[in-house]
C-alpha atoms as a PDB file:
ATOM      1  CA  GLN A   1     102.490 123.029 121.385  1.00  0.00           C
ATOM      2  CA  VAL A   2     100.353 124.021 118.405  1.00  0.00           C
ATOM      3  CA  GLN A   3      96.607 124.047 119.040  1.00  0.00           C
ATOM      4  CA  LEU A   4      94.302 122.735 116.319  1.00  0.00           C
ATOM      5  CA  VAL A   5      90.681 123.849 116.036  1.00  0.00           C
ATOM      6  CA  GLU A   6      88.199 122.335 113.573  1.00  0.00           C
ATOM      7  CA  SER A   7      85.171 124.095 112.146  1.00  0.00           C
ATOM      8  CA  GLY A   8      82.697 123.756 109.301  1.00  0.00           C
ATOM      9  CA  GLY A   9      80.780 120.695 110.385  1.00  0.00           C
ATOM     10  CA  GLY A  10      77.017 120.519 110.306  1.00  0.00           C
ATOM     11  CA  LEU A  11      73.982 118.793 108.870  1.00  0.00           C
ATOM     12  CA  VAL A  12      73.734 118.168 105.154  1.00  0.00           C
ATOM     13  CA  GLN A  13      71.608 116.066 102.823  1.00  0.00           C
ATOM     14  CA  ALA A  14      73.104 113.137 100.967  1.00  0.00           C
ATOM     15  CA  GLY A  15      74.823 114.374  97.833  1.00  0.00           C
ATOM     16  CA  GLY A  16      75.611 117.729  99.398  1.00  0.00           C
ATOM     17  CA  SER A  17      78.916 119.327 100.314  1.00  0.00           C
ATOM     18  CA  LEU A  18      80.736 120.661 103.348  1.00  0.00           C
ATOM     19  CA  ARG A  19      84.098 122.323 103.802  1.00  0.00           C
ATOM     20  CA  LEU A  20      85.943 121.643 107.026  1.00  0.00           C
ATOM     21  CA  SER A  21      88.702 123.891 108.308  1.00  0.00           C
ATOM     22  CA  CYS A  22      91.493 123.206 110.769  1.00  0.00           C
ATOM     23  CA  ALA A  23      93.152 126.320 112.132  1.00  0.00           C
ATOM     24  CA  ALA A  24      96.479 126.182 113.929  1.00  0.00           C
ATOM     25  CA  SER A  25      97.195 128.621 116.731  1.00  0.00           C
ATOM     26  CA  GLY A  26     100.720 129.085 115.475  1.00  0.00           C
ATOM     27  CA  ARG A  27     102.947 128.259 112.571  1.00  0.00           C
ATOM     28  CA  THR A  28     103.072 124.614 111.571  1.00  0.00           C
ATOM     29  CA  ALA A  29     106.650 124.684 110.369  1.00  0.00           C
ATOM     30  CA  THR A  30     107.527 121.907 112.792  1.00  0.00           C
ATOM     31  CA  ASN A  31     104.821 119.634 111.392  1.00  0.00           C
ATOM     32  CA  TYR A  32     105.725 117.281 108.577  1.00  0.00           C
ATOM     33  CA  ALA A  33     102.169 116.153 107.900  1.00  0.00           C
ATOM     34  CA  MET A  34      98.571 117.020 108.692  1.00  0.00           C
ATOM     35  CA  GLY A  35      95.536 114.822 108.323  1.00  0.00           C
ATOM     36  CA  TRP A  36      91.839 114.278 108.835  1.00  0.00           C
ATOM     37  CA  PHE A  37      90.366 111.351 110.730  1.00  0.00           C
ATOM     38  CA  ARG A  38      86.778 110.519 111.578  1.00  0.00           C
ATOM     39  CA  GLN A  39      84.991 108.487 114.203  1.00  0.00           C
ATOM     40  CA  ALA A  40      81.398 107.300 113.981  1.00  0.00           C
ATOM     41  CA  PRO A  41      79.440 105.922 116.955  1.00  0.00           C
ATOM     42  CA  GLY A  42      80.609 102.424 117.811  1.00  0.00           C
ATOM     43  CA  LYS A  43      83.526 102.579 115.388  1.00  0.00           C
ATOM     44  CA  GLU A  44      87.230 103.230 115.776  1.00  0.00           C
ATOM     45  CA  ARG A  45      88.835 106.426 114.598  1.00  0.00           C
ATOM     46  CA  GLY A  46      89.692 105.983 110.936  1.00  0.00           C
ATOM     47  CA  PHE A  47      91.816 107.701 108.334  1.00  0.00           C
ATOM     48  CA  VAL A  48      90.225 110.100 105.851  1.00  0.00           C
ATOM     49  CA  ALA A  49      92.988 112.127 104.201  1.00  0.00           C
ATOM     50  CA  ALA A  50      96.454 113.535 104.846  1.00  0.00           C
ATOM     51  CA  ILE A  51      98.847 116.019 103.309  1.00  0.00           C
ATOM     52  CA  ASN A  52     102.590 116.499 103.363  1.00  0.00           C
ATOM     53  CA  TRP A  53     102.814 120.065 104.610  1.00  0.00           C
ATOM     54  CA  ILE A  54     105.999 120.820 102.724  1.00  0.00           C
ATOM     55  CA  SER A  55     105.369 119.196  99.341  1.00  0.00           C
ATOM     56  CA  GLY A  56     101.579 119.234  99.262  1.00  0.00           C
ATOM     57  CA  TYR A  57     101.410 115.531  98.379  1.00  0.00           C
ATOM     58  CA  THR A  58      98.073 114.089  99.421  1.00  0.00           C
ATOM     59  CA  TYR A  59      96.720 110.749 100.606  1.00  0.00           C
ATOM     60  CA  TYR A  60      93.103 109.585 100.681  1.00  0.00           C
ATOM     61  CA  ALA A  61      91.156 106.698 102.085  1.00  0.00           C
ATOM     62  CA  ASP A  62      89.638 104.577  99.329  1.00  0.00           C
ATOM     63  CA  SER A  63      86.162 105.373 100.607  1.00  0.00           C
ATOM     64  CA  VAL A  64      86.555 109.113  99.945  1.00  0.00           C
ATOM     65  CA  LYS A  65      88.712 109.205  96.805  1.00  0.00           C
ATOM     66  CA  GLY A  66      87.119 111.337  94.121  1.00  0.00           C
ATOM     67  CA  ARG A  67      84.770 112.958  96.623  1.00  0.00           C
ATOM     68  CA  PHE A  68      87.000 114.625  99.228  1.00  0.00           C
ATOM     69  CA  SER A  69      89.921 116.983  98.689  1.00  0.00           C
ATOM     70  CA  ILE A  70      92.501 118.018 101.281  1.00  0.00           C
ATOM     71  CA  SER A  71      94.480 121.242 101.004  1.00  0.00           C
ATOM     72  CA  ARG A  72      96.405 123.714 103.112  1.00  0.00           C
ATOM     73  CA  ASP A  73      97.028 127.463 103.262  1.00  0.00           C
ATOM     74  CA  ASN A  74     100.441 128.128 104.769  1.00  0.00           C
ATOM     75  CA  ALA A  75      99.820 131.868 105.140  1.00  0.00           C
ATOM     76  CA  GLN A  76      96.695 131.283 107.224  1.00  0.00           C
ATOM     77  CA  ASN A  77      98.025 128.200 109.034  1.00  0.00           C
ATOM     78  CA  THR A  78      94.884 126.389 107.983  1.00  0.00           C
ATOM     79  CA  MET A  79      94.086 122.984 106.516  1.00  0.00           C
ATOM     80  CA  TYR A  80      90.873 122.237 104.659  1.00  0.00           C
ATOM     81  CA  LEU A  81      88.807 119.216 103.752  1.00  0.00           C
ATOM     82  CA  GLN A  82      86.368 119.802 100.917  1.00  0.00           C
ATOM     83  CA  MET A  83      83.734 117.073 101.068  1.00  0.00           C
ATOM     84  CA  ASN A  84      81.486 116.559  98.058  1.00  0.00           C
ATOM     85  CA  SER A  85      78.882 113.942  97.190  1.00  0.00           C
ATOM     86  CA  LEU A  86      78.423 113.201 100.867  1.00  0.00           C
ATOM     87  CA  LYS A  87      76.860 109.912 101.906  1.00  0.00           C
ATOM     88  CA  PRO A  88      75.114 108.919 105.144  1.00  0.00           C
ATOM     89  CA  GLU A  89      78.075 106.660 105.923  1.00  0.00           C
ATOM     90  CA  ASP A  90      80.266 109.776 106.064  1.00  0.00           C
ATOM     91  CA  THR A  91      78.465 110.779 109.261  1.00  0.00           C
ATOM     92  CA  ALA A  92      81.053 111.058 112.036  1.00  0.00           C
ATOM     93  CA  VAL A  93      83.031 113.407 114.202  1.00  0.00           C
ATOM     94  CA  TYR A  94      85.895 114.682 112.071  1.00  0.00           C
ATOM     95  CA  TYR A  95      89.237 115.389 113.707  1.00  0.00           C
ATOM     96  CA  CYS A  96      92.185 117.422 112.534  1.00  0.00           C
ATOM     97  CA  ALA A  97      95.545 115.869 113.361  1.00  0.00           C
ATOM     98  CA  GLY A  98      99.214 116.670 112.975  1.00  0.00           C
ATOM     99  CA  ARG A  99     102.506 114.812 112.980  1.00  0.00           C
ATOM    100  CA  THR A 100     105.536 116.548 114.445  1.00  0.00           C
ATOM    101  CA  TYR A 101     107.914 114.546 112.293  1.00  0.00           C
ATOM    102  CA  GLY A 102     107.952 112.052 109.471  1.00  0.00           C
ATOM    103  CA  SER A 103     105.672 111.499 106.491  1.00  0.00           C
ATOM    104  CA  PRO A 104     101.873 111.250 106.397  1.00  0.00           C
ATOM    105  CA  THR A 105     100.437 107.935 107.535  1.00  0.00           C
ATOM    106  CA  ARG A 106      97.012 106.328 107.719  1.00  0.00           C
ATOM    107  CA  GLN A 107      97.288 105.438 111.412  1.00  0.00           C
ATOM    108  CA  ALA A 108      95.796 107.689 114.089  1.00  0.00           C
ATOM    109  CA  VAL A 109      98.401 106.550 116.597  1.00  0.00           C
ATOM    110  CA  ASP A 110     101.104 108.212 114.494  1.00  0.00           C
ATOM    111  CA  TYR A 111      99.634 111.682 115.031  1.00  0.00           C
ATOM    112  CA  SER A 112     100.444 113.568 118.223  1.00  0.00           C
ATOM    113  CA  LEU A 113      98.451 116.793 117.732  1.00  0.00           C
ATOM    114  CA  TRP A 114      94.659 116.666 117.702  1.00  0.00           C
ATOM    115  CA  GLY A 115      91.750 119.056 117.481  1.00  0.00           C
ATOM    116  CA  GLN A 116      88.523 118.683 119.449  1.00  0.00           C
ATOM    117  CA  GLY A 117      86.511 117.477 116.473  1.00  0.00           C
ATOM    118  CA  THR A 118      83.563 118.760 114.476  1.00  0.00           C
ATOM    119  CA  GLN A 119      80.347 116.834 113.857  1.00  0.00           C
ATOM    120  CA  VAL A 120      79.328 116.001 110.305  1.00  0.00           C
ATOM    121  CA  THR A 121      75.874 114.506 109.847  1.00  0.00           C
ATOM    122  CA  VAL A 122      74.640 113.393 106.436  1.00  0.00           C
ATOM    123  CA  SER A 123      70.961 112.583 106.175  1.00  0.00           C
ATOM    124  CA  SER A 124      69.296 110.411 103.563  1.00  0.00           C
END
């Protein structure tokens, strides 16, 4: 099974930027889609963005459209989430996730591969 490891989280002021990375321990050729989810204290894990690994087609939650950008580097087996214009409400643990088959979805239950998460804290 492919192992996913997130990095790049940290503390940032509102309006600032962070770039999250999700590195796979092996090739992701068996994955049809990769995505980012986040979970804030007292809230359920919610969808942020996803990408079709083959085509590069992307999906975004309405709350992050125009601010976040998801991308992938096949050669480095890495997925990225560029987060700009960060808001305090973006504060959460961000998780990298993968689907072993099918198209990207907005439901966490549809993803079978998960990283350990990286904390993003946006101060006001």
